[in-house]
Amino acid sequence: MPTVNSGKVLVTGANGYIAVWVVKTLLEQGYSVRGTVRSESKATHLRETFKSYGDKLEIVIVEDITKEGAFDEAVKGVDAIEHTASPFHFRAVEPDELIIPAVQGTTGILKSAQKYGTSVKRVVITSSCAAVLTPTTEPRVFSEANWNEASIQEVKEKGRDAAGPAKYRASKTLAEKAAWEFYEQNKANLPWDLVVLNPPFVFGPVIHAVDAPENLNESVRDYYYNVVKGKLDNESLANVGSSYVDVRDLAVAHALALTKAEVANERIIVSAGPWKWQDFVIVAHKWDSKLPAGNTSYDPAKAVHLIRYSPDKERRLLGIKFRSLEETTKDTLEDFKARGWL
């Protein structure tokens, strides 16, 4: 299968938390990048951040990713596509607020690539472990073979009364399923292959435009309020958790997904390992004793991680040396401090 070691890469939703790091990583590795944003105002920060790269960065406006043909112009003349644009929040009233842009944005870019992406060799889609996991009360290890049917079912049955996380998880699952379905139906006539990356919670420093902690993206905002502001009670600190990946390592995964032939047509979980909120709190308190100490009776050795992900496929295909929870915490707190948020 073809690989993309140089040339121009389209990054959708280029002003997003993950996407800005993808743009940075690609530019540092010598690629040219065409990034899509929804409005000119969202382009300003990107241009400023990466001005040293000159014309290696091009920004184009795609106002509405759900519109038919939204990406038709954007895919022309690029060698690869990194599709990161998809809403992530738990505040939707109607499930379709998340599902429609997630699914139509994903199938839309694939249709545009099919029609007009004549030089495209690979499409990488940022999915999520939200499309892999099933909420569980017993410890489980999930792999790329698993799909989150439960959240789709909850949204079907309860509609707007479904839980916020279920609406988000259903949107990611349906979008990824739609991508694979489109690819399977059309692959005989496509000049490109498909790779899907499935990260769990994404933490780490921020380089996208954000003016206040309350306007952070969902995962880092939770991190700020739970680790820095001590919002959670002791029981939640010891028991609430999942798995994580540092945003910078996830960006590296997006770059590696372009260069490795063997990842073609693969779904890959990109996870550094499990955590409880108290794990982050301990490291943060060590870094600065003025930060909350949290649940001081917590024993990491006794923590029960209900959701873990098999690392086997990522190790075999990408082999990322993941940043530790300590490094991610330290760098995130340094970032908050530099912004005057501590």
C-alpha atoms as a PDB file:
ATOM      1  CA  MET A   1       0.000   0.000   0.000  1.00  0.00           C
ATOM      2  CA  PRO A   2       1.220   3.517  -0.720  1.00  0.00           C
ATOM      3  CA  THR A   3       2.747   5.613   2.034  1.00  0.00           C
ATOM      4  CA  VAL A   4       3.000   9.380   2.270  1.00  0.00           C
ATOM      5  CA  ASN A   5       6.453  10.486   3.427  1.00  0.00           C
ATOM      6  CA  SER A   6       6.261  14.013   2.029  1.00  0.00           C
ATOM      7  CA  GLY A   7       3.916  16.379   0.182  1.00  0.00           C
ATOM      8  CA  LYS A   8       0.750  18.153   1.249  1.00  0.00           C
ATOM      9  CA  VAL A   9      -1.624  16.883   3.946  1.00  0.00           C
ATOM     10  CA  LEU A  10      -5.172  18.122   4.522  1.00  0.00           C
ATOM     11  CA  VAL A  11      -6.047  18.433   8.236  1.00  0.00           C
ATOM     12  CA  THR A  12      -9.750  19.056   8.890  1.00  0.00           C
ATOM     13  CA  GLY A  13     -10.876  21.025  11.938  1.00  0.00           C
ATOM     14  CA  ALA A  14      -7.309  22.323  12.130  1.00  0.00           C
ATOM     15  CA  ASN A  15      -7.989  24.689  15.045  1.00  0.00           C
ATOM     16  CA  GLY A  16      -9.067  21.869  17.385  1.00  0.00           C
ATOM     17  CA  TYR A  17      -7.121  20.658  20.424  1.00  0.00           C
ATOM     18  CA  ILE A  18      -5.767  17.491  18.777  1.00  0.00           C
ATOM     19  CA  ALA A  19      -5.593  18.916  15.260  1.00  0.00           C
ATOM     20  CA  VAL A  20      -3.261  21.819  16.089  1.00  0.00           C
ATOM     21  CA  TRP A  21      -0.736  19.336  17.453  1.00  0.00           C
ATOM     22  CA  VAL A  22      -1.175  17.232  14.291  1.00  0.00           C
ATOM     23  CA  VAL A  23      -0.510  20.333  12.169  1.00  0.00           C
ATOM     24  CA  LYS A  24       2.578  21.162  14.263  1.00  0.00           C
ATOM     25  CA  THR A  25       3.959  17.629  14.024  1.00  0.00           C
ATOM     26  CA  LEU A  26       3.435  17.426  10.260  1.00  0.00           C
ATOM     27  CA  LEU A  27       5.058  20.818   9.650  1.00  0.00           C
ATOM     28  CA  GLU A  28       8.018  19.821  11.833  1.00  0.00           C
ATOM     29  CA  GLN A  29       8.421  16.667   9.746  1.00  0.00           C
ATOM     30  CA  GLY A  30       8.587  18.663   6.516  1.00  0.00           C
ATOM     31  CA  TYR A  31       5.071  18.239   5.166  1.00  0.00           C
ATOM     32  CA  SER A  32       3.021  21.091   3.779  1.00  0.00           C
ATOM     33  CA  VAL A  33      -0.358  21.384   5.475  1.00  0.00           C
ATOM     34  CA  ARG A  34      -3.734  22.609   4.281  1.00  0.00           C
ATOM     35  CA  GLY A  35      -5.966  23.095   7.298  1.00  0.00           C
ATOM     36  CA  THR A  36      -9.725  23.615   7.279  1.00  0.00           C
ATOM     37  CA  VAL A  37     -11.483  25.863   9.815  1.00  0.00           C
ATOM     38  CA  ARG A  38     -15.080  27.056  10.028  1.00  0.00           C
ATOM     39  CA  SER A  39     -14.397  30.795   9.822  1.00  0.00           C
ATOM     40  CA  GLU A  40     -11.675  33.333   9.115  1.00  0.00           C
ATOM     41  CA  SER A  41     -11.560  34.300  12.809  1.00  0.00           C
ATOM     42  CA  LYS A  42     -10.512  30.712  13.656  1.00  0.00           C
ATOM     43  CA  ALA A  43      -7.663  30.916  11.131  1.00  0.00           C
ATOM     44  CA  THR A  44      -5.883  33.866  12.769  1.00  0.00           C
ATOM     45  CA  HIS A  45      -4.370  31.930  15.682  1.00  0.00           C
ATOM     46  CA  LEU A  46      -3.136  29.145  13.383  1.00  0.00           C
ATOM     47  CA  ARG A  47      -1.429  31.585  11.042  1.00  0.00           C
ATOM     48  CA  GLU A  48       0.221  33.325  13.987  1.00  0.00           C
ATOM     49  CA  THR A  49       1.298  30.082  15.681  1.00  0.00           C
ATOM     50  CA  PHE A  50       2.922  28.667  12.550  1.00  0.00           C
ATOM     51  CA  LYS A  51       4.047  31.848  10.766  1.00  0.00           C
ATOM     52  CA  SER A  52       7.663  30.626  10.708  1.00  0.00           C
ATOM     53  CA  TYR A  53       6.585  27.935   8.228  1.00  0.00           C
ATOM     54  CA  GLY A  54       5.478  30.538   5.671  1.00  0.00           C
ATOM     55  CA  ASP A  55       3.565  29.083   2.743  1.00  0.00           C
ATOM     56  CA  LYS A  56       3.968  25.518   4.045  1.00  0.00           C
ATOM     57  CA  LEU A  57       0.688  26.179   5.897  1.00  0.00           C
ATOM     58  CA  GLU A  58      -2.458  27.041   3.963  1.00  0.00           C
ATOM     59  CA  ILE A  59      -5.798  27.661   5.690  1.00  0.00           C
ATOM     60  CA  VAL A  60      -9.127  27.211   3.904  1.00  0.00           C
ATOM     61  CA  ILE A  61     -12.634  27.895   5.192  1.00  0.00           C
ATOM     62  CA  VAL A  62     -15.205  25.078   5.333  1.00  0.00           C
ATOM     63  CA  GLU A  63     -18.141  26.680   7.109  1.00  0.00           C
ATOM     64  CA  ASP A  64     -20.353  23.627   7.469  1.00  0.00           C
ATOM     65  CA  ILE A  65     -18.877  20.119   7.287  1.00  0.00           C
ATOM     66  CA  THR A  66     -22.369  18.599   6.982  1.00  0.00           C
ATOM     67  CA  LYS A  67     -23.038  20.299   3.626  1.00  0.00           C
ATOM     68  CA  GLU A  68     -22.945  18.187   0.481  1.00  0.00           C
ATOM     69  CA  GLY A  69     -19.569  18.686  -1.185  1.00  0.00           C
ATOM     70  CA  ALA A  70     -18.186  20.732   1.735  1.00  0.00           C
ATOM     71  CA  PHE A  71     -14.676  19.348   1.208  1.00  0.00           C
ATOM     72  CA  ASP A  72     -14.695  19.099  -2.610  1.00  0.00           C
ATOM     73  CA  GLU A  73     -12.209  21.943  -3.099  1.00  0.00           C
ATOM     74  CA  ALA A  74     -10.151  21.183   0.011  1.00  0.00           C
ATOM     75  CA  VAL A  75      -9.159  17.662  -1.111  1.00  0.00           C
ATOM     76  CA  LYS A  76      -7.797  18.742  -4.484  1.00  0.00           C
ATOM     77  CA  GLY A  77      -4.032  18.431  -4.820  1.00  0.00           C
ATOM     78  CA  VAL A  78      -3.302  16.865  -1.424  1.00  0.00           C
ATOM     79  CA  ASP A  79      -1.397  13.617  -0.900  1.00  0.00           C
ATOM     80  CA  ALA A  80      -3.152  12.566   2.312  1.00  0.00           C
ATOM     81  CA  ILE A  81      -6.020  13.546   4.585  1.00  0.00           C
ATOM     82  CA  GLU A  82      -6.134  13.658   8.400  1.00  0.00           C
ATOM     83  CA  HIS A  83      -9.819  14.014   9.319  1.00  0.00           C
ATOM     84  CA  THR A  84     -10.082  15.233  12.921  1.00  0.00           C
ATOM     85  CA  ALA A  85     -13.159  17.484  12.682  1.00  0.00           C
ATOM     86  CA  SER A  86     -15.987  16.186  14.891  1.00  0.00           C
ATOM     87  CA  PRO A  87     -17.816  17.729  17.849  1.00  0.00           C
ATOM     88  CA  PHE A  88     -16.784  16.525  21.318  1.00  0.00           C
ATOM     89  CA  HIS A  89     -18.926  17.562  24.257  1.00  0.00           C
ATOM     90  CA  PHE A  90     -21.538  16.037  26.561  1.00  0.00           C
ATOM     91  CA  ARG A  91     -24.023  18.926  26.427  1.00  0.00           C
ATOM     92  CA  ALA A  92     -26.107  18.006  23.383  1.00  0.00           C
ATOM     93  CA  VAL A  93     -29.888  17.969  23.919  1.00  0.00           C
ATOM     94  CA  GLU A  94     -30.790  16.132  20.728  1.00  0.00           C
ATOM     95  CA  PRO A  95     -28.426  13.252  19.815  1.00  0.00           C
ATOM     96  CA  ASP A  96     -28.393  14.486  16.211  1.00  0.00           C
ATOM     97  CA  GLU A  97     -26.538  17.631  17.332  1.00  0.00           C
ATOM     98  CA  LEU A  98     -23.514  15.339  17.576  1.00  0.00           C
ATOM     99  CA  ILE A  99     -24.425  12.455  15.285  1.00  0.00           C
ATOM    100  CA  ILE A 100     -25.175  14.426  12.111  1.00  0.00           C
ATOM    101  CA  PRO A 101     -21.927  16.432  11.976  1.00  0.00           C
ATOM    102  CA  ALA A 102     -19.876  13.402  13.049  1.00  0.00           C
ATOM    103  CA  VAL A 103     -21.344  11.052  10.439  1.00  0.00           C
ATOM    104  CA  GLN A 104     -21.860  13.523   7.601  1.00  0.00           C
ATOM    105  CA  GLY A 105     -18.488  15.166   8.140  1.00  0.00           C
ATOM    106  CA  THR A 106     -16.804  11.774   7.899  1.00  0.00           C
ATOM    107  CA  THR A 107     -18.731  10.393   4.926  1.00  0.00           C
ATOM    108  CA  GLY A 108     -18.580  13.833   3.293  1.00  0.00           C
ATOM    109  CA  ILE A 109     -14.806  13.961   3.256  1.00  0.00           C
ATOM    110  CA  LEU A 110     -14.608  10.391   1.950  1.00  0.00           C
ATOM    111  CA  LYS A 111     -17.030  11.234  -0.879  1.00  0.00           C
ATOM    112  CA  SER A 112     -15.025  14.356  -1.723  1.00  0.00           C
ATOM    113  CA  ALA A 113     -11.803  12.323  -1.699  1.00  0.00           C
ATOM    114  CA  GLN A 114     -13.427   9.747  -3.970  1.00  0.00           C
ATOM    115  CA  LYS A 115     -14.531  12.385  -6.493  1.00  0.00           C
ATOM    116  CA  TYR A 116     -11.789  14.980  -6.381  1.00  0.00           C
ATOM    117  CA  GLY A 117      -8.890  13.579  -4.346  1.00  0.00           C
ATOM    118  CA  THR A 118      -7.047  12.264  -7.369  1.00  0.00           C
ATOM    119  CA  SER A 119      -3.627  12.568  -5.680  1.00  0.00           C
ATOM    120  CA  VAL A 120      -4.739  11.259  -2.253  1.00  0.00           C
ATOM    121  CA  LYS A 121      -2.984   8.052  -1.196  1.00  0.00           C
ATOM    122  CA  ARG A 122      -4.178   7.678   2.392  1.00  0.00           C
ATOM    123  CA  VAL A 123      -7.007   8.926   4.609  1.00  0.00           C
ATOM    124  CA  VAL A 124      -6.532   8.869   8.404  1.00  0.00           C
ATOM    125  CA  ILE A 125      -9.621   9.367  10.552  1.00  0.00           C
ATOM    126  CA  THR A 126      -9.544  10.319  14.227  1.00  0.00           C
ATOM    127  CA  SER A 127     -12.180   8.143  15.832  1.00  0.00           C
ATOM    128  CA  SER A 128     -12.201   7.389  19.561  1.00  0.00           C
ATOM    129  CA  CYS A 129     -12.213   4.639  22.143  1.00  0.00           C
ATOM    130  CA  ALA A 130     -15.787   5.887  22.634  1.00  0.00           C
ATOM    131  CA  ALA A 131     -16.485   3.741  19.546  1.00  0.00           C
ATOM    132  CA  VAL A 132     -14.751   0.721  21.138  1.00  0.00           C
ATOM    133  CA  LEU A 133     -15.801   0.519  24.791  1.00  0.00           C
ATOM    134  CA  THR A 134     -18.983  -0.756  26.358  1.00  0.00           C
ATOM    135  CA  PRO A 135     -19.773   0.789  29.772  1.00  0.00           C
ATOM    136  CA  THR A 136     -19.077  -1.961  32.316  1.00  0.00           C
ATOM    137  CA  THR A 137     -19.249  -2.656  36.052  1.00  0.00           C
ATOM    138  CA  GLU A 138     -16.642  -5.460  35.820  1.00  0.00           C
ATOM    139  CA  PRO A 139     -13.012  -4.989  34.671  1.00  0.00           C
ATOM    140  CA  ARG A 140     -12.631  -5.578  30.940  1.00  0.00           C
ATOM    141  CA  VAL A 141      -9.891  -5.282  28.332  1.00  0.00           C
ATOM    142  CA  PHE A 142     -11.131  -3.975  24.993  1.00  0.00           C
ATOM    143  CA  SER A 143      -9.460  -4.392  21.616  1.00  0.00           C
ATOM    144  CA  GLU A 144      -9.962  -3.137  18.056  1.00  0.00           C
ATOM    145  CA  ALA A 145     -12.423  -6.023  17.537  1.00  0.00           C
ATOM    146  CA  ASN A 146     -14.902  -4.371  19.937  1.00  0.00           C
ATOM    147  CA  TRP A 147     -17.616  -1.864  19.006  1.00  0.00           C
ATOM    148  CA  ASN A 148     -19.763   0.291  21.260  1.00  0.00           C
ATOM    149  CA  GLU A 149     -23.195  -0.990  20.296  1.00  0.00           C
ATOM    150  CA  ALA A 150     -24.578  -0.146  23.756  1.00  0.00           C
ATOM    151  CA  SER A 151     -24.475   3.640  23.287  1.00  0.00           C
ATOM    152  CA  ILE A 152     -26.113   3.400  19.871  1.00  0.00           C
ATOM    153  CA  GLN A 153     -28.857   1.318  21.465  1.00  0.00           C
ATOM    154  CA  GLU A 154     -29.302   3.765  24.364  1.00  0.00           C
ATOM    155  CA  VAL A 155     -29.690   6.695  21.975  1.00  0.00           C
ATOM    156  CA  LYS A 156     -32.154   4.715  19.832  1.00  0.00           C
ATOM    157  CA  GLU A 157     -34.278   3.850  22.852  1.00  0.00           C
ATOM    158  CA  LYS A 158     -34.072   7.088  24.859  1.00  0.00           C
ATOM    159  CA  GLY A 159     -33.390   9.798  22.267  1.00  0.00           C
ATOM    160  CA  ARG A 160     -32.844  13.155  23.942  1.00  0.00           C
ATOM    161  CA  ASP A 161     -33.159  11.481  27.382  1.00  0.00           C
ATOM    162  CA  ALA A 162     -30.030   9.398  26.768  1.00  0.00           C
ATOM    163  CA  ALA A 163     -27.009  10.313  28.895  1.00  0.00           C
ATOM    164  CA  GLY A 164     -24.684  12.987  27.485  1.00  0.00           C
ATOM    165  CA  PRO A 165     -21.687  10.638  27.161  1.00  0.00           C
ATOM    166  CA  ALA A 166     -23.879   8.070  25.371  1.00  0.00           C
ATOM    167  CA  LYS A 167     -24.858  10.646  22.733  1.00  0.00           C
ATOM    168  CA  TYR A 168     -21.207  11.496  22.117  1.00  0.00           C
ATOM    169  CA  ARG A 169     -20.124   7.850  22.065  1.00  0.00           C
ATOM    170  CA  ALA A 170     -22.924   6.956  19.660  1.00  0.00           C
ATOM    171  CA  SER A 171     -21.821   9.771  17.333  1.00  0.00           C
ATOM    172  CA  LYS A 172     -18.237   8.473  17.229  1.00  0.00           C
ATOM    173  CA  THR A 173     -19.332   4.858  16.762  1.00  0.00           C
ATOM    174  CA  LEU A 174     -21.786   5.653  13.965  1.00  0.00           C
ATOM    175  CA  ALA A 175     -19.268   7.919  12.214  1.00  0.00           C
ATOM    176  CA  GLU A 176     -16.558   5.273  12.273  1.00  0.00           C
ATOM    177  CA  LYS A 177     -18.935   2.536  11.147  1.00  0.00           C
ATOM    178  CA  ALA A 178     -20.031   4.783   8.258  1.00  0.00           C
ATOM    179  CA  ALA A 179     -16.392   5.332   7.254  1.00  0.00           C
ATOM    180  CA  TRP A 180     -15.579   1.615   7.091  1.00  0.00           C
ATOM    181  CA  GLU A 181     -18.847   0.896   5.292  1.00  0.00           C
ATOM    182  CA  PHE A 182     -18.084   3.545   2.650  1.00  0.00           C
ATOM    183  CA  TYR A 183     -14.556   2.230   2.225  1.00  0.00           C
ATOM    184  CA  GLU A 184     -15.638  -1.408   1.892  1.00  0.00           C
ATOM    185  CA  GLN A 185     -18.265  -0.504  -0.716  1.00  0.00           C
ATOM    186  CA  ASN A 186     -15.879   1.598  -2.820  1.00  0.00           C
ATOM    187  CA  LYS A 187     -12.334   0.368  -2.179  1.00  0.00           C
ATOM    188  CA  ALA A 188     -11.976  -1.418  -5.522  1.00  0.00           C
ATOM    189  CA  ASN A 189     -12.093   1.970  -7.257  1.00  0.00           C
ATOM    190  CA  LEU A 190     -10.259   4.139  -4.732  1.00  0.00           C
ATOM    191  CA  PRO A 191      -6.630   5.248  -5.136  1.00  0.00           C
ATOM    192  CA  TRP A 192      -6.300   5.610  -1.349  1.00  0.00           C
ATOM    193  CA  ASP A 193      -6.531   3.407   1.720  1.00  0.00           C
ATOM    194  CA  LEU A 194      -8.040   4.099   5.129  1.00  0.00           C
ATOM    195  CA  VAL A 195      -6.554   4.154   8.644  1.00  0.00           C
ATOM    196  CA  VAL A 196      -8.584   4.845  11.802  1.00  0.00           C
ATOM    197  CA  LEU A 197      -7.009   5.894  15.108  1.00  0.00           C
ATOM    198  CA  ASN A 198      -8.949   5.346  18.353  1.00  0.00           C
ATOM    199  CA  PRO A 199      -7.621   7.349  21.313  1.00  0.00           C
ATOM    200  CA  PRO A 200      -9.184   7.248  24.816  1.00  0.00           C
ATOM    201  CA  PHE A 201      -9.155  10.462  26.930  1.00  0.00           C
ATOM    202  CA  VAL A 202      -6.640  12.918  25.482  1.00  0.00           C
ATOM    203  CA  PHE A 203      -4.702  15.100  27.926  1.00  0.00           C
ATOM    204  CA  GLY A 204      -1.662  17.359  27.692  1.00  0.00           C
ATOM    205  CA  PRO A 205      -0.704  20.975  26.970  1.00  0.00           C
ATOM    206  CA  VAL A 206      -2.800  23.238  24.780  1.00  0.00           C
ATOM    207  CA  ILE A 207      -1.660  25.165  21.691  1.00  0.00           C
ATOM    208  CA  HIS A 208      -5.042  25.959  20.139  1.00  0.00           C
ATOM    209  CA  ALA A 209      -6.733  29.322  20.758  1.00  0.00           C
ATOM    210  CA  VAL A 210      -8.249  29.415  24.254  1.00  0.00           C
ATOM    211  CA  ASP A 211      -8.682  32.450  26.469  1.00  0.00           C
ATOM    212  CA  ALA A 212      -9.909  30.977  29.779  1.00  0.00           C
ATOM    213  CA  PRO A 213     -10.079  27.574  31.532  1.00  0.00           C
ATOM    214  CA  GLU A 214     -13.848  27.371  31.096  1.00  0.00           C
ATOM    215  CA  ASN A 215     -13.345  27.528  27.312  1.00  0.00           C
ATOM    216  CA  LEU A 216     -10.910  24.624  27.184  1.00  0.00           C
ATOM    217  CA  ASN A 217     -11.847  21.510  25.223  1.00  0.00           C
ATOM    218  CA  GLU A 218     -13.837  18.905  27.162  1.00  0.00           C
ATOM    219  CA  SER A 219     -11.022  16.631  28.394  1.00  0.00           C
ATOM    220  CA  VAL A 220      -8.557  19.359  29.418  1.00  0.00           C
ATOM    221  CA  ARG A 221     -11.330  21.390  31.047  1.00  0.00           C
ATOM    222  CA  ASP A 222     -12.240  18.375  33.177  1.00  0.00           C
ATOM    223  CA  TYR A 223      -8.554  17.974  33.982  1.00  0.00           C
ATOM    224  CA  TYR A 224      -8.276  21.606  35.052  1.00  0.00           C
ATOM    225  CA  TYR A 225     -11.293  21.551  37.355  1.00  0.00           C
ATOM    226  CA  ASN A 226     -10.620  18.078  38.819  1.00  0.00           C
ATOM    227  CA  VAL A 227      -6.843  18.301  39.275  1.00  0.00           C
ATOM    228  CA  VAL A 228      -6.210  22.020  39.790  1.00  0.00           C
ATOM    229  CA  LYS A 229      -9.475  23.161  41.363  1.00  0.00           C
ATOM    230  CA  GLY A 230     -10.286  20.028  43.366  1.00  0.00           C
ATOM    231  CA  LYS A 231     -13.855  19.725  42.137  1.00  0.00           C
ATOM    232  CA  LEU A 232     -14.280  15.982  42.836  1.00  0.00           C
ATOM    233  CA  ASP A 233     -14.987  14.257  46.155  1.00  0.00           C
ATOM    234  CA  ASN A 234     -12.605  11.628  47.529  1.00  0.00           C
ATOM    235  CA  GLU A 235     -14.663   8.686  46.329  1.00  0.00           C
ATOM    236  CA  SER A 236     -14.748   9.989  42.745  1.00  0.00           C
ATOM    237  CA  LEU A 237     -11.035  10.791  42.782  1.00  0.00           C
ATOM    238  CA  ALA A 238     -10.236   7.180  43.715  1.00  0.00           C
ATOM    239  CA  ASN A 239     -12.786   5.482  41.477  1.00  0.00           C
ATOM    240  CA  VAL A 240     -13.449   7.602  38.389  1.00  0.00           C
ATOM    241  CA  GLY A 241     -11.005   7.065  35.540  1.00  0.00           C
ATOM    242  CA  SER A 242     -10.390   5.516  32.157  1.00  0.00           C
ATOM    243  CA  SER A 243      -7.354   5.347  29.865  1.00  0.00           C
ATOM    244  CA  TYR A 244      -5.448   8.258  28.371  1.00  0.00           C
ATOM    245  CA  VAL A 245      -2.958   9.358  25.732  1.00  0.00           C
ATOM    246  CA  ASP A 246      -0.878  12.530  25.648  1.00  0.00           C
ATOM    247  CA  VAL A 247      -2.046  14.798  22.813  1.00  0.00           C
ATOM    248  CA  ARG A 248       1.525  15.061  21.500  1.00  0.00           C
ATOM    249  CA  ASP A 249       1.829  11.272  21.241  1.00  0.00           C
ATOM    250  CA  LEU A 250      -1.505  11.112  19.458  1.00  0.00           C
ATOM    251  CA  ALA A 251      -0.183  13.686  16.966  1.00  0.00           C
ATOM    252  CA  VAL A 252       2.858  11.462  16.410  1.00  0.00           C
ATOM    253  CA  ALA A 253       0.465   8.556  15.752  1.00  0.00           C
ATOM    254  CA  HIS A 254      -1.245  10.633  13.053  1.00  0.00           C
ATOM    255  CA  ALA A 255       2.117  11.286  11.390  1.00  0.00           C
ATOM    256  CA  LEU A 256       3.227   7.647  11.649  1.00  0.00           C
ATOM    257  CA  ALA A 257      -0.089   6.550  10.146  1.00  0.00           C
ATOM    258  CA  LEU A 258       0.962   8.279   6.913  1.00  0.00           C
ATOM    259  CA  THR A 259       4.385   6.675   6.634  1.00  0.00           C
ATOM    260  CA  LYS A 260       3.810   3.029   7.516  1.00  0.00           C
ATOM    261  CA  ALA A 261       2.560   0.728   4.766  1.00  0.00           C
ATOM    262  CA  GLU A 262       1.427  -1.938   7.225  1.00  0.00           C
ATOM    263  CA  VAL A 263      -1.233   0.264   8.873  1.00  0.00           C
ATOM    264  CA  ALA A 264      -3.336   0.354   5.695  1.00  0.00           C
ATOM    265  CA  ASN A 265      -6.998  -0.497   6.381  1.00  0.00           C
ATOM    266  CA  GLU A 266      -6.388  -0.912  10.117  1.00  0.00           C
ATOM    267  CA  ARG A 267      -8.216   0.328  13.186  1.00  0.00           C
ATOM    268  CA  ILE A 268      -5.660   1.155  15.895  1.00  0.00           C
ATOM    269  CA  ILE A 269      -6.229   1.976  19.579  1.00  0.00           C
ATOM    270  CA  VAL A 270      -3.670   4.580  20.697  1.00  0.00           C
ATOM    271  CA  SER A 271      -3.584   4.417  24.516  1.00  0.00           C
ATOM    272  CA  ALA A 272      -0.807   5.009  27.065  1.00  0.00           C
ATOM    273  CA  GLY A 273      -2.607   3.194  29.877  1.00  0.00           C
ATOM    274  CA  PRO A 274      -5.236   3.506  32.622  1.00  0.00           C
ATOM    275  CA  TRP A 275      -5.692   6.233  35.267  1.00  0.00           C
ATOM    276  CA  LYS A 276      -7.874   7.426  38.109  1.00  0.00           C
ATOM    277  CA  TRP A 277      -8.222  11.151  38.766  1.00  0.00           C
ATOM    278  CA  GLN A 278      -6.266  10.744  41.991  1.00  0.00           C
ATOM    279  CA  ASP A 279      -3.237   9.506  39.989  1.00  0.00           C
ATOM    280  CA  PHE A 280      -3.045  12.917  38.307  1.00  0.00           C
ATOM    281  CA  VAL A 281      -3.768  14.733  41.582  1.00  0.00           C
ATOM    282  CA  ILE A 282      -0.833  13.007  43.336  1.00  0.00           C
ATOM    283  CA  VAL A 283       1.625  14.075  40.629  1.00  0.00           C
ATOM    284  CA  ALA A 284       0.204  17.611  40.509  1.00  0.00           C
ATOM    285  CA  HIS A 285       0.442  18.025  44.290  1.00  0.00           C
ATOM    286  CA  LYS A 286       4.068  16.840  44.205  1.00  0.00           C
ATOM    287  CA  TRP A 287       4.783  19.410  41.489  1.00  0.00           C
ATOM    288  CA  ASP A 288       3.159  22.198  43.508  1.00  0.00           C
ATOM    289  CA  SER A 289       2.119  21.600  47.113  1.00  0.00           C
ATOM    290  CA  LYS A 290      -0.419  24.440  46.842  1.00  0.00           C
ATOM    291  CA  LEU A 291      -2.494  22.260  44.508  1.00  0.00           C
ATOM    292  CA  PRO A 292      -5.062  19.926  46.140  1.00  0.00           C
ATOM    293  CA  ALA A 293      -3.750  16.718  47.734  1.00  0.00           C
ATOM    294  CA  GLY A 294      -7.054  14.987  47.044  1.00  0.00           C
ATOM    295  CA  ASN A 295      -7.734  11.553  48.474  1.00  0.00           C
ATOM    296  CA  THR A 296      -4.667  10.877  50.630  1.00  0.00           C
ATOM    297  CA  SER A 297      -5.834   7.346  51.520  1.00  0.00           C
ATOM    298  CA  TYR A 298      -5.820   6.280  47.830  1.00  0.00           C
ATOM    299  CA  ASP A 299      -3.579   3.315  46.996  1.00  0.00           C
ATOM    300  CA  PRO A 300      -2.784   3.070  43.256  1.00  0.00           C
ATOM    301  CA  ALA A 301      -1.906  -0.616  43.664  1.00  0.00           C
ATOM    302  CA  LYS A 302      -5.485  -1.336  44.755  1.00  0.00           C
ATOM    303  CA  ALA A 303      -7.194   0.702  42.026  1.00  0.00           C
ATOM    304  CA  VAL A 304      -9.633  -1.335  39.932  1.00  0.00           C
ATOM    305  CA  HIS A 305      -9.561  -0.219  36.287  1.00  0.00           C
ATOM    306  CA  LEU A 306     -12.866  -1.191  34.702  1.00  0.00           C
ATOM    307  CA  ILE A 307     -11.806  -0.201  31.187  1.00  0.00           C
ATOM    308  CA  ARG A 308      -8.420  -1.089  29.749  1.00  0.00           C
ATOM    309  CA  TYR A 309      -7.338  -1.355  26.130  1.00  0.00           C
ATOM    310  CA  SER A 310      -5.102  -3.967  24.560  1.00  0.00           C
ATOM    311  CA  PRO A 311      -1.838  -2.307  23.457  1.00  0.00           C
ATOM    312  CA  ASP A 312      -0.796  -5.165  21.165  1.00  0.00           C
ATOM    313  CA  LYS A 313      -1.800  -3.771  17.792  1.00  0.00           C
ATOM    314  CA  GLU A 314      -0.411  -0.288  18.409  1.00  0.00           C
ATOM    315  CA  ARG A 315       2.902  -1.750  19.618  1.00  0.00           C
ATOM    316  CA  ARG A 316       3.151  -3.930  16.524  1.00  0.00           C
ATOM    317  CA  LEU A 317       2.150  -1.307  13.953  1.00  0.00           C
ATOM    318  CA  LEU A 318       3.201   2.080  15.416  1.00  0.00           C
ATOM    319  CA  GLY A 319       5.432   1.380  18.432  1.00  0.00           C
ATOM    320  CA  ILE A 320       5.053   4.789  20.078  1.00  0.00           C
ATOM    321  CA  LYS A 321       7.066   5.462  23.217  1.00  0.00           C
ATOM    322  CA  PHE A 322       4.265   7.050  25.230  1.00  0.00           C
ATOM    323  CA  ARG A 323       4.808   9.917  27.638  1.00  0.00           C
ATOM    324  CA  SER A 324       4.221   8.989  31.255  1.00  0.00           C
ATOM    325  CA  LEU A 325       1.325  10.283  33.307  1.00  0.00           C
ATOM    326  CA  GLU A 326       3.926  12.301  35.260  1.00  0.00           C
ATOM    327  CA  GLU A 327       5.305  14.001  32.138  1.00  0.00           C
ATOM    328  CA  THR A 328       1.851  14.792  30.789  1.00  0.00           C
ATOM    329  CA  THR A 329       0.833  16.284  34.153  1.00  0.00           C
ATOM    330  CA  LYS A 330       3.996  18.342  34.570  1.00  0.00           C
ATOM    331  CA  ASP A 331       3.795  19.795  31.039  1.00  0.00           C
ATOM    332  CA  THR A 332       0.079  20.525  31.351  1.00  0.00           C
ATOM    333  CA  LEU A 333       0.566  22.350  34.637  1.00  0.00           C
ATOM    334  CA  GLU A 334       3.503  24.335  33.192  1.00  0.00           C
ATOM    335  CA  ASP A 335       1.169  25.396  30.391  1.00  0.00           C
ATOM    336  CA  PHE A 336      -1.574  26.431  32.844  1.00  0.00           C
ATOM    337  CA  LYS A 337       0.986  28.343  34.904  1.00  0.00           C
ATOM    338  CA  ALA A 338       2.298  30.213  31.854  1.00  0.00           C
ATOM    339  CA  ARG A 339      -1.294  31.266  31.108  1.00  0.00           C
ATOM    340  CA  GLY A 340      -1.814  32.565  34.650  1.00  0.00           C
ATOM    341  CA  TRP A 341      -4.386  29.884  35.470  1.00  0.00           C
ATOM    342  CA  LEU A 342      -2.745  28.466  38.590  1.00  0.00           C
END
